[in-house]
Protein backbone atom coordinates (compact mmCIF):
# COMPACT_ATOMS: atom_id res chain seq x y z
CA MET A 1 78.15 85.32 102.66
CA VAL A 2 76.70 83.27 99.82
CA ALA A 3 75.36 84.96 96.69
CA SER A 4 73.64 83.62 93.57
CA VAL A 5 72.75 85.66 90.48
CA GLU A 6 69.74 85.09 88.21
CA THR A 7 69.35 86.69 84.77
CA ILE A 8 65.85 88.11 84.38
CA SER A 9 66.31 89.91 81.06
CA SER A 10 69.11 91.30 78.93
CA LEU A 11 69.89 93.92 81.59
CA GLU A 12 67.96 92.88 84.72
CA ARG A 13 69.52 90.68 87.37
CA ARG A 14 68.19 89.25 90.62
CA MET A 15 70.77 88.40 93.24
CA THR A 16 70.01 86.36 96.35
CA VAL A 17 72.42 86.82 99.22
CA LYS A 18 72.62 84.90 102.51
CA VAL A 19 74.46 86.63 105.37
CA PRO A 20 75.43 84.65 108.52
CA LEU A 21 74.56 86.37 111.80
CA ALA A 22 77.42 85.08 113.95
CA PRO A 23 80.06 87.52 112.59
CA LEU A 24 77.66 90.40 113.26
CA GLU A 25 77.15 89.68 116.96
CA GLY A 26 80.46 91.29 117.88
CA GLN A 27 79.42 94.52 116.11
CA ILE A 28 76.07 94.49 117.93
CA LYS A 29 77.72 94.06 121.34
CA GLN A 30 80.22 96.81 120.59
CA ARG A 31 77.45 99.22 119.58
CA LEU A 32 75.38 98.40 122.68
CA SER A 33 78.47 98.97 124.82
CA GLN A 34 78.92 102.42 123.27
CA ILE A 35 75.29 103.29 123.95
CA SER A 36 75.52 102.11 127.57
CA ARG A 37 78.18 104.77 128.33
CA THR A 38 75.73 107.63 127.81
CA ALA A 39 72.26 106.03 128.07
CA LYS A 40 70.09 107.32 130.91
CA PHE A 41 67.80 104.99 132.87
CA ALA A 42 65.77 105.70 135.99
CA GLY A 43 67.69 104.56 139.09
CA PHE A 44 71.08 104.37 137.35
CA ARG A 45 73.82 106.88 136.79
CA PRO A 46 74.84 107.43 133.13
CA GLY A 47 77.04 104.54 132.03
CA LYS A 48 76.12 102.31 134.99
CA ALA A 49 72.97 100.61 133.66
CA PRO A 50 73.22 96.80 133.16
CA ILE A 51 73.94 95.77 129.55
CA GLY A 52 70.80 93.63 129.63
CA LEU A 53 68.68 96.71 130.25
CA VAL A 54 70.45 98.55 127.43
CA ASN A 55 69.82 95.58 125.14
CA GLN A 56 66.16 95.52 126.14
CA HIS A 57 65.68 99.16 125.10
CA TYR A 58 68.07 99.48 122.16
CA GLY A 59 68.74 95.93 120.97
CA ASP A 60 66.23 95.85 118.08
CA GLN A 61 67.33 99.24 116.83
CA VAL A 62 71.01 98.32 116.94
CA ARG A 63 70.41 94.98 115.20
CA ASP A 64 68.51 96.70 112.40
CA GLU A 65 71.36 99.18 111.97
CA VAL A 66 74.05 96.49 111.93
CA TYR A 67 72.07 94.19 109.63
CA SER A 68 71.28 97.08 107.25
CA LYS A 69 74.97 97.93 107.00
CA ALA A 70 75.68 94.24 106.43
CA VAL A 71 73.23 94.27 103.51
CA GLU A 72 75.00 97.27 102.00
CA SER A 73 78.51 95.87 102.42
CA SER A 74 77.61 92.32 101.36
CA PHE A 75 75.84 93.61 98.25
CA GLY A 76 78.96 95.53 97.25
CA ASP A 77 81.12 92.45 97.88
CA ALA A 78 78.78 90.20 95.89
CA VAL A 79 78.70 92.65 92.99
CA GLU A 80 82.50 92.77 92.91
CA GLU A 81 82.79 88.99 93.27
CA ASN A 82 80.45 88.41 90.33
CA LYS A 83 82.05 91.21 88.29
CA LEU A 84 78.78 93.06 87.77
CA ARG A 85 78.43 96.72 86.71
CA VAL A 86 75.28 97.91 88.44
CA ALA A 87 73.29 100.65 86.71
CA GLY A 88 71.23 102.70 89.14
CA PHE A 89 70.10 101.69 92.62
CA PRO A 90 69.06 98.12 93.44
CA ASN A 91 65.64 97.21 94.80
CA ILE A 92 66.37 95.19 97.96
CA GLU A 93 63.76 93.02 99.69
CA HIS A 94 64.06 90.88 102.81
CA LYS A 95 61.96 89.45 105.63
CA PRO A 96 61.97 91.25 109.01
CA PHE A 97 65.42 90.95 110.58
CA ALA A 98 63.83 89.82 113.85
CA GLU A 99 62.78 86.55 112.18
CA ALA A 100 66.37 85.62 111.34
CA ALA A 101 67.92 82.76 113.35
CA THR A 102 71.40 81.91 112.12
CA GLU A 103 71.37 83.94 108.91
CA PHE A 104 69.21 86.40 106.99
CA GLU A 105 68.50 86.40 103.29
CA TYR A 106 67.70 89.24 100.92
CA THR A 107 67.15 89.65 97.20
CA ALA A 108 68.46 92.57 95.17
CA THR A 109 66.94 93.32 91.78
CA PHE A 110 68.86 95.70 89.55
CA GLU A 111 70.04 96.48 86.05
CA VAL A 112 73.57 96.20 84.72
CA PHE A 113 75.32 98.39 82.21
CA PRO A 114 74.89 97.15 78.63
CA GLU A 115 77.59 96.19 76.20
CA VAL A 116 77.79 99.25 73.98
CA LYS A 117 77.95 98.36 70.28
CA LEU A 118 78.95 101.39 68.22
CA GLY A 119 78.03 100.13 64.77
CA ASP A 120 80.10 100.64 61.62
CA LEU A 121 81.44 104.18 61.89
CA SER A 122 82.85 104.04 58.35
CA LYS A 123 79.27 104.10 57.05
CA ILE A 124 78.40 107.28 58.90
CA LYS A 125 77.93 110.27 56.57
CA LEU A 126 78.57 113.71 58.01
CA GLU A 127 78.48 117.23 56.58
CA LYS A 128 80.95 119.85 57.72
CA PRO A 129 79.75 123.41 57.05
CA THR A 130 82.23 125.79 55.41
CA LEU A 131 81.95 129.55 55.47
CA GLU A 132 84.29 132.45 54.76
CA VAL A 133 83.40 135.73 56.45
CA THR A 134 83.08 138.48 53.85
CA ASP A 135 83.08 142.27 54.01
CA ALA A 136 79.31 142.13 53.45
CA ASP A 137 78.95 140.03 56.60
CA VAL A 138 80.98 142.63 58.48
CA GLU A 139 78.69 145.42 57.22
CA LYS A 140 75.59 143.44 58.27
CA THR A 141 77.01 143.03 61.74
CA LEU A 142 78.01 146.68 61.87
CA ASP A 143 74.46 147.62 60.89
CA VAL A 144 73.13 145.58 63.82
CA LEU A 145 75.58 147.29 66.20
CA VAL A 146 74.47 150.69 64.91
CA LYS A 147 70.79 149.86 65.47
CA GLN A 148 71.54 148.62 68.97
CA ARG A 149 72.80 152.12 69.79
CA VAL A 150 69.78 153.95 68.42
CA SER A 151 68.44 157.03 70.20
CA TYR A 152 65.11 158.80 69.69
CA GLU A 153 64.08 162.43 69.22
CA PRO A 154 60.53 163.84 69.43
CA VAL A 155 58.79 164.73 66.16
CA LYS A 156 55.54 166.56 65.32
CA ARG A 157 54.15 164.21 62.70
CA ALA A 158 52.18 161.00 62.36
CA ALA A 159 53.80 157.79 63.65
CA LYS A 160 55.64 155.57 61.16
CA LYS A 161 57.21 152.15 61.36
CA ASP A 162 60.38 152.12 63.50
CA ASP A 163 59.17 155.14 65.48
CA ARG A 164 58.93 154.96 69.25
CA VAL A 165 55.46 155.90 70.45
CA ASN A 166 54.46 156.56 74.04
CA VAL A 167 50.83 155.56 74.56
CA SER A 168 48.32 155.12 77.35
CA LEU A 169 45.93 152.25 76.67
CA THR A 170 43.09 150.16 77.98
CA ALA A 171 42.38 146.63 76.72
CA SER A 172 39.00 144.92 77.14
CA ILE A 173 37.55 141.50 76.37
CA ASP A 174 33.73 141.27 76.20
CA GLY A 175 33.49 144.63 77.94
CA ASN A 176 35.77 143.64 80.83
CA VAL A 177 39.05 145.53 81.26
CA VAL A 178 41.98 143.09 81.20
CA GLU A 179 44.86 145.57 80.96
CA SER A 180 45.36 149.26 81.60
CA THR A 181 48.40 151.51 81.78
CA GLY A 182 46.54 153.93 84.02
CA ASP A 183 48.07 157.41 84.09
CA LYS A 184 51.46 156.09 83.02
CA GLY A 185 52.31 155.71 79.37
CA ILE A 186 54.37 152.92 77.87
CA ASP A 187 56.98 153.09 75.10
CA LEU A 188 56.50 150.89 72.03
CA VAL A 189 58.79 150.65 69.00
CA LEU A 190 56.57 150.03 65.99
CA GLY A 191 57.58 147.04 63.88
CA GLU A 192 60.02 145.70 66.47
CA PRO A 193 60.65 141.94 66.12
CA ASN A 194 58.33 139.60 68.08
CA ARG A 195 55.61 142.23 68.34
CA MET A 196 52.02 141.73 67.13
CA ALA A 197 52.15 143.24 63.62
CA ALA A 198 48.38 143.83 63.45
CA PHE A 199 48.54 145.87 66.67
CA ASP A 200 51.44 148.03 65.46
CA ASP A 201 49.70 148.62 62.12
CA GLU A 202 46.79 150.21 64.00
CA LEU A 203 49.18 152.65 65.71
CA ILE A 204 50.86 153.79 62.50
CA GLY A 205 49.45 157.21 61.56
CA GLY A 206 48.68 158.26 65.13
CA LYS A 207 49.65 161.75 66.32
CA ALA A 208 50.58 163.08 69.77
CA GLY A 209 47.47 164.22 71.61
CA GLY A 210 45.21 162.04 69.48
CA GLY A 211 43.52 158.75 70.22
CA LYS A 212 42.13 155.65 68.58
CA THR A 213 39.86 152.70 69.33
CA PHE A 214 40.26 149.39 67.48
CA GLU A 215 39.89 145.62 67.82
CA ILE A 216 42.45 142.85 67.37
CA THR A 217 41.63 139.16 67.04
CA TYR A 218 44.60 137.14 68.26
CA PRO A 219 45.53 133.84 66.57
CA ALA A 220 44.64 130.57 68.27
CA ASP A 221 48.29 129.78 68.99
CA HIS A 222 49.15 133.21 70.40
CA ASN A 223 51.45 133.49 73.40
CA PRO A 224 50.46 134.41 76.09
CA ALA A 225 47.64 131.86 75.97
CA GLU A 226 45.26 134.20 77.83
CA LEU A 227 44.79 136.15 74.59
CA ALA A 228 44.83 133.18 72.18
CA GLY A 229 41.76 133.24 69.91
CA LYS A 230 40.32 136.27 71.74
CA LYS A 231 38.94 139.51 70.27
CA VAL A 232 40.46 142.39 72.27
CA SER A 233 39.21 145.99 72.15
CA TYR A 234 41.82 148.72 72.63
CA THR A 235 41.44 152.39 73.47
CA VAL A 236 44.73 154.20 72.88
CA THR A 237 45.90 157.76 73.57
CA PHE A 238 49.10 158.92 71.85
CA ASN A 239 51.31 160.87 74.25
CA SER A 240 54.38 161.39 72.06
CA ILE A 241 56.02 160.31 68.81
CA SER A 242 59.81 159.95 68.50
CA GLN A 243 61.85 159.02 65.46
CA PRO A 244 64.99 156.86 65.53
CA VAL A 245 68.39 158.54 65.26
CA LEU A 246 71.19 156.17 64.30
CA PRO A 247 74.78 157.00 65.26
CA LYS A 248 77.32 157.69 62.52
CA VAL A 249 80.03 155.13 61.91
CA ASP A 250 82.92 157.37 62.83
CA ALA A 251 85.79 157.60 65.29
CA GLU A 252 83.45 158.13 68.25
CA PHE A 253 81.47 155.06 67.29
CA ALA A 254 84.68 153.02 66.97
CA LYS A 255 85.77 154.19 70.43
CA SER A 256 82.41 153.07 71.86
CA LEU A 257 83.26 149.56 70.60
CA GLY A 258 86.61 149.56 72.39
CA VAL A 259 88.91 150.84 69.63
CA ASP A 260 90.83 153.39 71.67
CA ASP A 261 92.30 155.37 68.78
CA GLY A 262 88.96 155.54 66.93
CA ASP A 263 90.36 153.90 63.77
CA VAL A 264 87.26 152.80 61.81
CA ASN A 265 89.23 150.38 59.63
CA LYS A 266 90.69 148.76 62.72
CA MET A 267 87.16 148.50 64.13
CA ARG A 268 86.01 146.66 61.00
CA ALA A 269 89.01 144.34 61.21
CA GLU A 270 88.22 143.53 64.84
CA ILE A 271 84.57 142.86 63.96
CA LYS A 272 85.69 140.50 61.21
CA LEU A 273 88.05 138.67 63.56
CA SER A 274 85.27 138.34 66.13
CA LEU A 275 82.90 136.99 63.46
CA GLU A 276 85.49 134.47 62.28
CA GLN A 277 85.89 133.22 65.85
CA GLU A 278 82.12 132.96 66.27
CA VAL A 279 81.78 131.16 62.91
CA GLU A 280 84.44 128.67 63.93
CA LYS A 281 82.68 128.11 67.26
CA ARG A 282 79.30 127.53 65.64
CA ILE A 283 80.65 125.24 62.95
CA LYS A 284 82.35 123.16 65.63
CA ALA A 285 79.08 122.99 67.55
CA ARG A 286 77.18 121.85 64.44
CA VAL A 287 79.74 119.19 63.60
CA LYS A 288 79.77 117.99 67.20
CA GLU A 289 75.99 117.69 67.30
CA GLY A 290 76.05 115.87 63.96
CA VAL A 291 78.62 113.41 65.28
CA PHE A 292 76.64 112.81 68.46
CA GLN A 293 73.40 112.24 66.54
CA ALA A 294 75.16 109.81 64.21
CA LEU A 295 76.68 107.87 67.12
CA VAL A 296 73.31 107.46 68.83
CA ALA A 297 71.65 106.41 65.55
CA ALA A 298 74.37 103.87 64.69
CA ALA A 299 74.73 102.32 68.16
CA GLU A 300 72.83 99.14 69.05
CA PHE A 301 72.19 98.50 72.73
CA GLU A 302 69.48 98.72 75.35
CA VAL A 303 69.60 101.69 77.71
CA PRO A 304 68.99 100.84 81.40
CA LYS A 305 65.61 102.11 82.59
CA ALA A 306 67.11 103.09 85.94
CA LEU A 307 69.52 105.51 84.26
CA ILE A 308 66.77 106.99 82.07
CA GLY A 309 64.58 107.47 85.14
CA ALA A 310 67.37 109.19 87.03
CA GLU A 311 67.98 111.51 84.07
CA ILE A 312 64.27 112.31 83.79
CA ASN A 313 64.19 113.25 87.48
CA ARG A 314 67.26 115.47 87.07
CA MET A 315 65.77 117.22 84.05
CA MET A 316 62.43 117.77 85.79
CA GLN A 317 64.14 119.29 88.82
CA MET A 318 66.28 121.61 86.70
CA THR A 319 63.28 122.68 84.60
CA ALA A 320 61.22 123.40 87.72
CA GLN A 321 64.07 125.45 89.20
CA ASN A 322 64.47 127.44 85.97
CA LEU A 323 60.74 128.18 85.80
CA GLN A 324 60.72 129.30 89.43
CA GLN A 325 63.66 131.62 88.77
CA ARG A 326 61.60 133.18 85.98
CA GLY A 327 58.86 133.98 88.47
CA MET A 328 56.47 131.05 88.08
CA ASN A 329 54.62 129.72 91.11
CA PRO A 330 55.82 126.19 91.99
CA LYS A 331 52.17 125.14 92.41
CA ASP A 332 51.50 126.07 88.78
CA ILE A 333 54.38 123.98 87.45
CA GLN A 334 53.01 120.65 86.29
CA LEU A 335 55.74 118.57 84.72
CA GLU A 336 55.22 115.01 83.55
CA PRO A 337 58.01 112.42 83.10
CA GLY A 338 56.79 111.72 79.56
CA MET A 339 57.73 115.27 78.58
CA PHE A 340 61.41 114.41 79.08
CA GLU A 341 61.56 110.70 78.24
CA GLU A 342 62.91 110.87 74.68
CA GLN A 343 65.49 113.51 75.50
CA ALA A 344 66.56 111.62 78.63
CA LYS A 345 66.90 108.36 76.69
CA ARG A 346 69.03 110.03 74.01
CA GLY A 347 71.21 111.83 76.56
CA THR A 348 71.76 108.68 78.60
CA ALA A 349 72.59 106.62 75.51
CA LEU A 350 75.04 109.28 74.35
CA ARG A 351 76.85 109.34 77.69
CA LEU A 352 77.26 105.55 77.59
CA ILE A 353 78.56 105.74 74.02
CA LEU A 354 81.03 108.52 74.81
CA SER A 355 82.26 106.70 77.89
CA GLU A 356 82.83 103.54 75.85
CA ILE A 357 84.73 105.38 73.11
CA VAL A 358 86.85 107.40 75.53
CA ASN A 359 87.81 104.46 77.74
CA THR A 360 88.41 101.97 74.92
CA ASN A 361 90.52 104.36 72.86
CA SER A 362 92.20 106.36 75.68
CA LEU A 363 90.78 109.66 74.46
CA GLN A 364 90.81 111.45 77.82
CA ALA A 365 91.97 115.05 77.42
CA ASN A 366 95.55 115.72 78.48
CA ALA A 367 96.75 118.74 80.46
CA ASP A 368 97.66 120.74 77.33
CA GLN A 369 94.22 120.19 75.80
CA VAL A 370 92.50 121.25 79.02
CA ARG A 371 94.63 124.41 79.17
CA LYS A 372 93.77 125.18 75.56
CA MET A 373 90.08 124.90 76.40
CA VAL A 374 90.49 127.19 79.41
CA ASP A 375 92.32 129.72 77.22
CA THR A 376 89.41 129.58 74.77
CA PHE A 377 87.00 130.44 77.58
CA ALA A 378 89.27 133.27 78.72
CA ASN A 379 89.63 134.88 75.29
CA SER A 380 86.24 136.54 75.58
CA TYR A 381 87.13 138.23 78.89
CA GLU A 382 88.71 141.65 79.31
CA LYS A 383 91.35 140.18 81.64
CA PRO A 384 91.78 136.57 80.46
CA GLU A 385 94.62 135.81 82.87
CA GLU A 386 92.25 136.31 85.82
CA LEU A 387 89.83 133.68 84.51
CA VAL A 388 92.68 131.25 83.87
CA SER A 389 93.90 131.73 87.44
CA TRP A 390 90.36 131.16 88.73
CA TYR A 391 90.06 127.82 86.93
CA TYR A 392 93.41 126.55 88.16
CA ALA A 393 92.84 127.71 91.74
CA ASP A 394 90.54 124.69 92.28
CA VAL A 395 91.10 121.45 90.38
CA LYS A 396 87.34 120.71 90.41
CA ARG A 397 86.75 123.77 88.24
CA LEU A 398 88.69 122.04 85.47
CA ASP A 399 86.06 119.30 85.17
CA GLU A 400 84.02 121.24 82.61
CA PRO A 401 86.90 122.23 80.28
CA ALA A 402 88.33 118.71 80.65
CA ALA A 403 84.98 117.16 79.65
CA LEU A 404 84.64 119.48 76.64
CA ALA A 405 88.21 118.81 75.53
CA THR A 406 87.57 115.07 75.80
CA GLU A 407 84.42 115.45 73.69
CA GLU A 408 86.53 117.22 71.06
CA ASN A 409 88.85 114.21 71.03
CA VAL A 410 85.86 111.94 70.42
CA VAL A 411 84.56 114.15 67.60
CA ASN A 412 87.95 114.17 65.87
CA TRP A 413 88.25 110.40 66.34
CA VAL A 414 84.86 109.84 64.68
CA LEU A 415 85.61 112.28 61.85
CA GLU A 416 88.69 110.26 60.97
CA LYS A 417 86.53 107.16 60.49
CA ALA A 418 83.33 108.59 59.00
CA LYS A 419 82.61 109.85 55.48
CA VAL A 420 82.82 113.63 55.79
CA SER A 421 81.80 116.06 53.04
CA ALA A 422 82.07 119.84 52.99
CA LYS A 423 78.91 121.90 52.61
CA LYS A 424 78.88 125.63 51.96
CA ILE A 425 76.56 127.50 54.27
CA LYS A 426 75.33 131.10 54.30
CA PHE A 427 76.35 133.47 57.05
CA ASP A 428 72.77 134.32 58.05
CA GLU A 429 71.81 130.64 58.20
CA LEU A 430 74.69 129.81 60.51
CA MET A 431 74.07 132.78 62.79
CA ALA A 432 70.36 131.99 63.04
CA GLY A 433 70.91 128.30 63.64
CA GLN A 434 71.96 128.39 67.28
């Protein structure tokens, strides 16, 4: 085998490889001999046909197989010999194997991994959010938990905001019915988040047994798009009105949250501890994302197109699968590579950067760090020891916690070198920021 490498661009290479045929003849004869043992030909018992007849029928096929394997193995040898780090799959071209006399030649065009230049990390400026959970934050969270356990009781009065109304309705656009509940009513909670406020406002004041007709013009950017910019006429019949009944914060409520003895103070303490753990988790996530963004912005290198393309394909497949799982028809899913290009480029660049930092500075997570990460996962489970056992029952399951623990090592390594300043952040801002 003789190989020569040509530099096309900063990352592209073209390699020309010449492979002699003589060493391959033995492999061809061996393969034909194997085929002859089971090949069936008219007038011959299995395994008794002349080798010449076997060669006549299978020779071209066998030569293509042997030569193709020779291309694969010789390419790997040439890459190793020239100390190349191939990024993605090569594009291999050659003349028909049948034209080869004493040797065949092929060219392989491919990209190599770039030299990752991190930039001056000491110039990176990062903000680390700081937040102390207060009693007020606990009460806000408790208020949310109370509202999540709301019940409703029928009332004989006009509907107000926060009431649950059961209505039967018909919706029409230009005189054509586009939606109807038929004989079955639907429950609506007036003023609930993500609802159309103008629609709910029309229902306020309605009474059971009454009805109302009104029109709503939906904004141009409304979702679903079928109603965007459309004027919709509604005919509504009020079946029932129910008012919210919030549970009292007492021993029974505490027991419903898992405090066996019903101690309300203990319940508040557990809520605060849970919030502190969530705050720590979210702050870590923010700092990590900040570090990753800074690394990508500071690094200077070209990202191989082959790797970006592979990442785009992966993201498109995952997105299509997620949409299908949500009930979309695969024929209606029209995804374009350009929709994912920037994200794929950033993700690919980040992986190359992280790999460089980890390998150069020996930041791979050790066994204790992996176990700590597994324990963190398990803390949110009722029986944490069962989850820990599950992870350690198969070493492959440790790949995810090991990767996350390694990323933590990278983040800490960068924080030691960068300029980090503390920034106070409000509880609501942090909780809404994920």
